[in-house]
Amino acid sequence: MSPIKPTIFLVRHAESVHNVTKDFNLRDPGLTPVGHEQAASLGTSFPDLSSIAVVISSPLTRAIETTLDAFGSILPGGNNLILDPYLQERSDLPCDTGSPISVLKERFPSFPDVVWSSLSGNTSELDGDDWLEKKGDYAADDDNVTKRAEKVRKILWNVAQNILQAQEEENEKGEDEREDLRKNIAVVTHGVFMKFLTEDETIDLPKAGWKDYYVEEADKFDGKGKRIVLVPVPLAEDP
């Protein structure tokens, strides 16, 4: 049996307080009641929650709340949840600036240490709350946001390759010993950053909307190896 290529489900966070009030000076706002309903509805309408091997979310509060409302039922113990600061929104406005880990721990006390260690640097090679500073990788200019999106695509490529390898190892076992492994990846992020991540200026998902992609190597090299790209799943293959 050949391994099945993982699908990347890109998810936009649900409606946030600043989306309604237009108060962009509000630091790291959460979801509105409507937003919580949108995210919960996503969880019930999503094609196949049981297929998700890992959820990788922006560490902004509205993205974490969307993740919990939509995917909480498949996140036992938080071991398959990664908070990746590379997925935070593009701008340096207060509404797009995250909260210190100490504050997030108070908001989400059920998360195990492994979740906070991913935010502290295991995924994006950062240290503590450095990701809150909108400079370097997190500067709001096009060049740095483009580079950040490239890094996310490479992370997704590596995660997908690990899933494929696990499938291959499972396929080598006897039929009675094989486990039905989860194979897909959910990514919860933001509307503007998503344009850089997909390299598609036209993408404009609704709040709590999603679109499915494959992560692939392009024929073109970027000076550090083949470019990694997100390719929309053909309509005939959509779940």
C-alpha atoms as a PDB file:
ATOM      1  CA  MET A   1       0.000   0.000   0.000  1.00  0.00           C
ATOM      2  CA  SER A   2       1.453   3.362  -1.022  1.00  0.00           C
ATOM      3  CA  PRO A   3       1.526   6.171   1.566  1.00  0.00           C
ATOM      4  CA  ILE A   4      -1.245   8.750   1.159  1.00  0.00           C
ATOM      5  CA  LYS A   5      -0.052  12.315   0.625  1.00  0.00           C
ATOM      6  CA  PRO A   6      -1.010  14.512   3.614  1.00  0.00           C
ATOM      7  CA  THR A   7      -3.512  17.294   3.051  1.00  0.00           C
ATOM      8  CA  ILE A   8      -2.856  20.719   4.558  1.00  0.00           C
ATOM      9  CA  PHE A   9      -6.087  22.377   5.709  1.00  0.00           C
ATOM     10  CA  LEU A  10      -5.510  26.133   5.969  1.00  0.00           C
ATOM     11  CA  VAL A  11      -8.003  27.670   8.402  1.00  0.00           C
ATOM     12  CA  ARG A  12      -8.707  31.342   8.982  1.00  0.00           C
ATOM     13  CA  HIS A  13      -9.520  32.278  12.580  1.00  0.00           C
ATOM     14  CA  ALA A  14     -13.131  33.042  13.460  1.00  0.00           C
ATOM     15  CA  GLU A  15     -14.578  36.515  14.117  1.00  0.00           C
ATOM     16  CA  SER A  16     -12.514  38.472  16.623  1.00  0.00           C
ATOM     17  CA  VAL A  17     -13.472  41.448  18.783  1.00  0.00           C
ATOM     18  CA  HIS A  18     -11.404  43.893  16.742  1.00  0.00           C
ATOM     19  CA  ASN A  19     -13.052  42.677  13.520  1.00  0.00           C
ATOM     20  CA  VAL A  20     -16.313  44.107  14.883  1.00  0.00           C
ATOM     21  CA  THR A  21     -15.209  47.120  16.929  1.00  0.00           C
ATOM     22  CA  LYS A  22     -12.464  48.170  14.495  1.00  0.00           C
ATOM     23  CA  ASP A  23     -10.364  48.976  17.549  1.00  0.00           C
ATOM     24  CA  PHE A  24      -6.989  47.954  16.189  1.00  0.00           C
ATOM     25  CA  ASN A  25      -5.259  49.238  19.334  1.00  0.00           C
ATOM     26  CA  LEU A  26      -6.725  46.355  21.338  1.00  0.00           C
ATOM     27  CA  ARG A  27      -3.862  44.013  22.226  1.00  0.00           C
ATOM     28  CA  ASP A  28      -4.290  40.377  21.139  1.00  0.00           C
ATOM     29  CA  PRO A  29      -8.117  40.275  21.159  1.00  0.00           C
ATOM     30  CA  GLY A  30     -10.103  37.072  21.475  1.00  0.00           C
ATOM     31  CA  LEU A  31     -13.182  35.860  19.636  1.00  0.00           C
ATOM     32  CA  THR A  32     -16.641  37.386  19.839  1.00  0.00           C
ATOM     33  CA  PRO A  33     -19.586  35.167  20.823  1.00  0.00           C
ATOM     34  CA  VAL A  34     -20.333  34.901  17.098  1.00  0.00           C
ATOM     35  CA  GLY A  35     -16.721  33.900  16.519  1.00  0.00           C
ATOM     36  CA  HIS A  36     -16.975  31.098  19.069  1.00  0.00           C
ATOM     37  CA  GLU A  37     -20.115  29.881  17.288  1.00  0.00           C
ATOM     38  CA  GLN A  38     -18.329  30.016  13.925  1.00  0.00           C
ATOM     39  CA  ALA A  39     -15.396  27.997  15.232  1.00  0.00           C
ATOM     40  CA  ALA A  40     -17.652  25.424  16.909  1.00  0.00           C
ATOM     41  CA  SER A  41     -19.609  25.095  13.661  1.00  0.00           C
ATOM     42  CA  LEU A  42     -16.335  24.496  11.828  1.00  0.00           C
ATOM     43  CA  GLY A  43     -15.634  21.616  14.188  1.00  0.00           C
ATOM     44  CA  THR A  44     -18.954  19.953  13.374  1.00  0.00           C
ATOM     45  CA  SER A  45     -18.833  20.574   9.616  1.00  0.00           C
ATOM     46  CA  PHE A  46     -15.157  19.789   9.019  1.00  0.00           C
ATOM     47  CA  PRO A  47     -14.739  16.897   6.518  1.00  0.00           C
ATOM     48  CA  ASP A  48     -12.868  14.457   8.751  1.00  0.00           C
ATOM     49  CA  LEU A  49     -11.592  15.574  12.143  1.00  0.00           C
ATOM     50  CA  SER A  50     -10.268  12.093  12.841  1.00  0.00           C
ATOM     51  CA  SER A  51      -7.811  12.416   9.934  1.00  0.00           C
ATOM     52  CA  ILE A  52      -5.895  15.317  11.555  1.00  0.00           C
ATOM     53  CA  ALA A  53      -2.488  14.242  12.864  1.00  0.00           C
ATOM     54  CA  VAL A  54      -1.400  17.656  14.105  1.00  0.00           C
ATOM     55  CA  VAL A  55      -2.826  21.170  14.458  1.00  0.00           C
ATOM     56  CA  ILE A  56      -0.359  24.020  14.002  1.00  0.00           C
ATOM     57  CA  SER A  57      -1.782  27.337  15.162  1.00  0.00           C
ATOM     58  CA  SER A  58      -0.786  30.959  15.350  1.00  0.00           C
ATOM     59  CA  PRO A  59      -0.198  31.863  19.019  1.00  0.00           C
ATOM     60  CA  LEU A  60      -2.510  34.882  18.848  1.00  0.00           C
ATOM     61  CA  THR A  61      -5.469  34.444  21.187  1.00  0.00           C
ATOM     62  CA  ARG A  62      -8.125  34.485  18.462  1.00  0.00           C
ATOM     63  CA  ALA A  63      -6.338  31.688  16.604  1.00  0.00           C
ATOM     64  CA  ILE A  64      -5.887  29.564  19.742  1.00  0.00           C
ATOM     65  CA  GLU A  65      -9.569  29.995  20.642  1.00  0.00           C
ATOM     66  CA  THR A  66     -10.553  29.012  17.093  1.00  0.00           C
ATOM     67  CA  THR A  67      -8.324  25.950  17.388  1.00  0.00           C
ATOM     68  CA  LEU A  68      -9.868  24.869  20.680  1.00  0.00           C
ATOM     69  CA  ASP A  69     -13.467  25.440  19.584  1.00  0.00           C
ATOM     70  CA  ALA A  70     -12.993  23.671  16.249  1.00  0.00           C
ATOM     71  CA  PHE A  71     -10.391  20.993  16.972  1.00  0.00           C
ATOM     72  CA  GLY A  72     -10.432  20.605  20.763  1.00  0.00           C
ATOM     73  CA  SER A  73     -12.023  17.155  20.551  1.00  0.00           C
ATOM     74  CA  ILE A  74      -8.943  15.781  18.767  1.00  0.00           C
ATOM     75  CA  LEU A  75      -6.341  17.465  20.974  1.00  0.00           C
ATOM     76  CA  PRO A  76      -6.194  15.165  23.998  1.00  0.00           C
ATOM     77  CA  GLY A  77      -3.363  16.278  26.251  1.00  0.00           C
ATOM     78  CA  GLY A  78      -2.229  18.834  23.681  1.00  0.00           C
ATOM     79  CA  ASN A  79       0.466  16.524  22.338  1.00  0.00           C
ATOM     80  CA  ASN A  80      -0.594  17.074  18.735  1.00  0.00           C
ATOM     81  CA  LEU A  81      -0.879  20.870  19.024  1.00  0.00           C
ATOM     82  CA  ILE A  82       1.931  23.231  18.028  1.00  0.00           C
ATOM     83  CA  LEU A  83       1.818  26.993  18.575  1.00  0.00           C
ATOM     84  CA  ASP A  84       4.082  28.431  15.911  1.00  0.00           C
ATOM     85  CA  PRO A  85       4.894  32.163  16.083  1.00  0.00           C
ATOM     86  CA  TYR A  86       5.732  32.177  12.372  1.00  0.00           C
ATOM     87  CA  LEU A  87       1.967  31.910  11.778  1.00  0.00           C
ATOM     88  CA  GLN A  88       1.102  35.181  13.540  1.00  0.00           C
ATOM     89  CA  GLU A  89      -0.509  37.973  11.523  1.00  0.00           C
ATOM     90  CA  ARG A  90       1.557  40.296   9.410  1.00  0.00           C
ATOM     91  CA  SER A  91       1.093  43.783  10.866  1.00  0.00           C
ATOM     92  CA  ASP A  92       2.694  45.409  13.906  1.00  0.00           C
ATOM     93  CA  LEU A  93      -0.610  46.844  15.184  1.00  0.00           C
ATOM     94  CA  PRO A  94      -1.520  45.952  18.795  1.00  0.00           C
ATOM     95  CA  CYS A  95      -4.383  43.760  17.565  1.00  0.00           C
ATOM     96  CA  ASP A  96      -1.848  41.645  15.639  1.00  0.00           C
ATOM     97  CA  THR A  97       0.685  41.476  18.473  1.00  0.00           C
ATOM     98  CA  GLY A  98       0.527  38.428  20.708  1.00  0.00           C
ATOM     99  CA  SER A  99       0.595  38.064  24.481  1.00  0.00           C
ATOM    100  CA  PRO A 100       3.526  36.898  26.625  1.00  0.00           C
ATOM    101  CA  ILE A 101       3.608  33.188  27.371  1.00  0.00           C
ATOM    102  CA  SER A 102       2.852  33.941  31.036  1.00  0.00           C
ATOM    103  CA  VAL A 103      -0.429  35.589  30.012  1.00  0.00           C
ATOM    104  CA  LEU A 104      -1.327  32.808  27.570  1.00  0.00           C
ATOM    105  CA  LYS A 105      -0.742  30.197  30.279  1.00  0.00           C
ATOM    106  CA  GLU A 106      -3.356  31.953  32.420  1.00  0.00           C
ATOM    107  CA  ARG A 107      -5.820  32.081  29.522  1.00  0.00           C
ATOM    108  CA  PHE A 108      -5.272  28.457  28.530  1.00  0.00           C
ATOM    109  CA  PRO A 109      -4.328  26.636  31.756  1.00  0.00           C
ATOM    110  CA  SER A 110      -5.191  23.185  30.399  1.00  0.00           C
ATOM    111  CA  PHE A 111      -2.300  23.179  27.911  1.00  0.00           C
ATOM    112  CA  PRO A 112       0.612  20.919  28.904  1.00  0.00           C
ATOM    113  CA  ASP A 113       4.195  22.131  28.972  1.00  0.00           C
ATOM    114  CA  VAL A 114       4.880  20.595  25.560  1.00  0.00           C
ATOM    115  CA  VAL A 115       2.627  23.223  23.943  1.00  0.00           C
ATOM    116  CA  TRP A 116       4.438  26.108  25.599  1.00  0.00           C
ATOM    117  CA  SER A 117       7.825  24.639  24.732  1.00  0.00           C
ATOM    118  CA  SER A 118       6.835  24.686  21.052  1.00  0.00           C
ATOM    119  CA  LEU A 119       6.032  28.384  21.382  1.00  0.00           C
ATOM    120  CA  SER A 120       9.286  29.018  23.229  1.00  0.00           C
ATOM    121  CA  GLY A 121      11.308  27.918  20.276  1.00  0.00           C
ATOM    122  CA  ASN A 122      11.230  24.231  19.372  1.00  0.00           C
ATOM    123  CA  THR A 123       9.522  24.913  16.042  1.00  0.00           C
ATOM    124  CA  SER A 124      10.765  28.331  15.028  1.00  0.00           C
ATOM    125  CA  GLU A 125      14.096  28.511  16.822  1.00  0.00           C
ATOM    126  CA  LEU A 126      13.041  31.369  19.049  1.00  0.00           C
ATOM    127  CA  ASP A 127      13.562  32.015  22.722  1.00  0.00           C
ATOM    128  CA  GLY A 128      10.782  32.835  25.167  1.00  0.00           C
ATOM    129  CA  ASP A 129       8.782  35.911  24.150  1.00  0.00           C
ATOM    130  CA  ASP A 130      11.123  37.173  21.430  1.00  0.00           C
ATOM    131  CA  TRP A 131       8.382  36.435  18.891  1.00  0.00           C
ATOM    132  CA  LEU A 132       6.392  39.386  20.266  1.00  0.00           C
ATOM    133  CA  GLU A 133       8.902  41.855  18.846  1.00  0.00           C
ATOM    134  CA  LYS A 134       7.858  42.949  15.380  1.00  0.00           C
ATOM    135  CA  LYS A 135      11.322  43.012  13.914  1.00  0.00           C
ATOM    136  CA  GLY A 136      13.576  40.610  12.035  1.00  0.00           C
ATOM    137  CA  ASP A 137      11.492  37.607  11.008  1.00  0.00           C
ATOM    138  CA  TYR A 138       8.399  39.363  12.329  1.00  0.00           C
ATOM    139  CA  ALA A 139       8.815  42.776  10.746  1.00  0.00           C
ATOM    140  CA  ALA A 140       5.731  43.895   8.804  1.00  0.00           C
ATOM    141  CA  ASP A 141       7.492  44.666   5.518  1.00  0.00           C
ATOM    142  CA  ASP A 142       6.873  42.449   2.501  1.00  0.00           C
ATOM    143  CA  ASP A 143      10.396  41.002   2.366  1.00  0.00           C
ATOM    144  CA  ASN A 144      10.381  39.677   5.920  1.00  0.00           C
ATOM    145  CA  VAL A 145       6.801  38.416   5.750  1.00  0.00           C
ATOM    146  CA  THR A 146       7.671  36.595   2.519  1.00  0.00           C
ATOM    147  CA  LYS A 147      10.677  34.961   4.200  1.00  0.00           C
ATOM    148  CA  ARG A 148       8.553  33.970   7.180  1.00  0.00           C
ATOM    149  CA  ALA A 149       5.989  32.353   4.884  1.00  0.00           C
ATOM    150  CA  GLU A 150       8.785  30.402   3.181  1.00  0.00           C
ATOM    151  CA  LYS A 151       9.891  29.074   6.568  1.00  0.00           C
ATOM    152  CA  VAL A 152       6.347  27.948   7.370  1.00  0.00           C
ATOM    153  CA  ARG A 153       6.084  26.083   4.070  1.00  0.00           C
ATOM    154  CA  LYS A 154       9.348  24.283   4.857  1.00  0.00           C
ATOM    155  CA  ILE A 155       8.052  23.372   8.315  1.00  0.00           C
ATOM    156  CA  LEU A 156       4.891  21.967   6.721  1.00  0.00           C
ATOM    157  CA  TRP A 157       7.007  20.024   4.220  1.00  0.00           C
ATOM    158  CA  ASN A 158       9.024  18.467   7.055  1.00  0.00           C
ATOM    159  CA  VAL A 159       5.916  17.563   9.040  1.00  0.00           C
ATOM    160  CA  ALA A 160       4.343  16.012   5.932  1.00  0.00           C
ATOM    161  CA  GLN A 161       7.502  13.987   5.257  1.00  0.00           C
ATOM    162  CA  ASN A 162       7.454  12.675   8.832  1.00  0.00           C
ATOM    163  CA  ILE A 163       3.833  11.603   8.385  1.00  0.00           C
ATOM    164  CA  LEU A 164       4.692   9.838   5.106  1.00  0.00           C
ATOM    165  CA  GLN A 165       7.598   8.050   6.756  1.00  0.00           C
ATOM    166  CA  ALA A 166       5.342   6.893   9.592  1.00  0.00           C
ATOM    167  CA  GLN A 167       2.877   5.539   7.026  1.00  0.00           C
ATOM    168  CA  GLU A 168       5.648   3.645   5.234  1.00  0.00           C
ATOM    169  CA  GLU A 169       6.824   2.093   8.496  1.00  0.00           C
ATOM    170  CA  GLU A 170       3.271   1.098   9.340  1.00  0.00           C
ATOM    171  CA  ASN A 171       2.776  -0.467   5.904  1.00  0.00           C
ATOM    172  CA  GLU A 172       5.768  -2.725   6.510  1.00  0.00           C
ATOM    173  CA  LYS A 173       3.983  -4.348   9.438  1.00  0.00           C
ATOM    174  CA  GLY A 174       1.700  -7.321   9.136  1.00  0.00           C
ATOM    175  CA  GLU A 175      -1.943  -6.571   8.403  1.00  0.00           C
ATOM    176  CA  ASP A 176      -2.984  -7.470  11.953  1.00  0.00           C
ATOM    177  CA  GLU A 177      -0.386  -5.113  13.457  1.00  0.00           C
ATOM    178  CA  ARG A 178      -1.059  -2.003  11.372  1.00  0.00           C
ATOM    179  CA  GLU A 179      -2.605   1.084  12.894  1.00  0.00           C
ATOM    180  CA  ASP A 180      -4.824   3.479  10.980  1.00  0.00           C
ATOM    181  CA  LEU A 181      -2.599   6.556  11.256  1.00  0.00           C
ATOM    182  CA  ARG A 182      -3.868  10.112  11.036  1.00  0.00           C
ATOM    183  CA  LYS A 183      -2.334  11.742   7.992  1.00  0.00           C
ATOM    184  CA  ASN A 184      -3.506  15.357   7.600  1.00  0.00           C
ATOM    185  CA  ILE A 185      -2.433  18.724   9.025  1.00  0.00           C
ATOM    186  CA  ALA A 186      -4.599  21.680  10.112  1.00  0.00           C
ATOM    187  CA  VAL A 187      -3.024  25.149  10.109  1.00  0.00           C
ATOM    188  CA  VAL A 188      -4.882  27.969  11.875  1.00  0.00           C
ATOM    189  CA  THR A 189      -3.666  31.408  10.865  1.00  0.00           C
ATOM    190  CA  HIS A 190      -4.728  34.856   9.630  1.00  0.00           C
ATOM    191  CA  GLY A 191      -6.187  36.401   6.501  1.00  0.00           C
ATOM    192  CA  VAL A 192      -3.289  38.592   5.382  1.00  0.00           C
ATOM    193  CA  PHE A 193      -0.496  36.194   6.302  1.00  0.00           C
ATOM    194  CA  MET A 194      -2.363  33.468   4.437  1.00  0.00           C
ATOM    195  CA  LYS A 195      -1.851  35.412   1.201  1.00  0.00           C
ATOM    196  CA  PHE A 196       1.915  35.192   1.699  1.00  0.00           C
ATOM    197  CA  LEU A 197       1.773  31.570   2.812  1.00  0.00           C
ATOM    198  CA  THR A 198      -0.164  30.436  -0.261  1.00  0.00           C
ATOM    199  CA  GLU A 199       1.523  32.980  -2.558  1.00  0.00           C
ATOM    200  CA  ASP A 200      -1.990  33.877  -3.672  1.00  0.00           C
ATOM    201  CA  GLU A 201      -3.046  37.515  -3.345  1.00  0.00           C
ATOM    202  CA  THR A 202      -6.653  36.617  -4.192  1.00  0.00           C
ATOM    203  CA  ILE A 203      -7.302  34.245  -1.300  1.00  0.00           C
ATOM    204  CA  ASP A 204      -9.864  35.721   1.087  1.00  0.00           C
ATOM    205  CA  LEU A 205     -11.437  33.013   3.203  1.00  0.00           C
ATOM    206  CA  PRO A 206     -14.421  33.848   5.406  1.00  0.00           C
ATOM    207  CA  LYS A 207     -13.971  33.819   9.163  1.00  0.00           C
ATOM    208  CA  ALA A 208     -13.480  30.185  10.243  1.00  0.00           C
ATOM    209  CA  GLY A 209     -13.265  29.215   6.575  1.00  0.00           C
ATOM    210  CA  TRP A 210     -10.794  26.678   5.216  1.00  0.00           C
ATOM    211  CA  LYS A 211      -9.124  25.551   2.020  1.00  0.00           C
ATOM    212  CA  ASP A 212      -7.122  22.385   1.369  1.00  0.00           C
ATOM    213  CA  TYR A 213      -3.635  22.128  -0.142  1.00  0.00           C
ATOM    214  CA  TYR A 214      -0.791  19.737  -0.754  1.00  0.00           C
ATOM    215  CA  VAL A 215       2.746  20.780   0.158  1.00  0.00           C
ATOM    216  CA  GLU A 216       5.162  19.960  -2.649  1.00  0.00           C
ATOM    217  CA  GLU A 217       8.635  20.610  -3.986  1.00  0.00           C
ATOM    218  CA  ALA A 218       8.673  22.944  -6.965  1.00  0.00           C
ATOM    219  CA  ASP A 219      10.979  22.399  -9.898  1.00  0.00           C
ATOM    220  CA  LYS A 220      12.536  25.797  -9.271  1.00  0.00           C
ATOM    221  CA  PHE A 221      15.447  26.164  -6.815  1.00  0.00           C
ATOM    222  CA  ASP A 222      15.702  29.046  -4.338  1.00  0.00           C
ATOM    223  CA  GLY A 223      19.453  28.891  -3.687  1.00  0.00           C
ATOM    224  CA  LYS A 224      18.972  26.627  -0.652  1.00  0.00           C
ATOM    225  CA  GLY A 225      17.388  23.713  -2.469  1.00  0.00           C
ATOM    226  CA  LYS A 226      14.051  23.238  -4.165  1.00  0.00           C
ATOM    227  CA  ARG A 227      11.322  25.735  -3.334  1.00  0.00           C
ATOM    228  CA  ILE A 228       8.461  24.415  -1.240  1.00  0.00           C
ATOM    229  CA  VAL A 229       5.001  25.452  -2.429  1.00  0.00           C
ATOM    230  CA  LEU A 230       1.394  24.925  -1.425  1.00  0.00           C
ATOM    231  CA  VAL A 231      -0.719  23.540  -4.246  1.00  0.00           C
ATOM    232  CA  PRO A 232      -4.550  23.612  -4.013  1.00  0.00           C
ATOM    233  CA  VAL A 233      -6.105  20.170  -3.875  1.00  0.00           C
ATOM    234  CA  PRO A 234      -7.947  19.578  -7.184  1.00  0.00           C
ATOM    235  CA  LEU A 235     -11.713  19.829  -6.859  1.00  0.00           C
ATOM    236  CA  ALA A 236     -12.149  16.179  -7.823  1.00  0.00           C
ATOM    237  CA  GLU A 237     -10.089  15.198  -4.776  1.00  0.00           C
ATOM    238  CA  ASP A 238     -11.715  17.515  -2.242  1.00  0.00           C
ATOM    239  CA  PRO A 239     -13.087  15.712   0.803  1.00  0.00           C
END
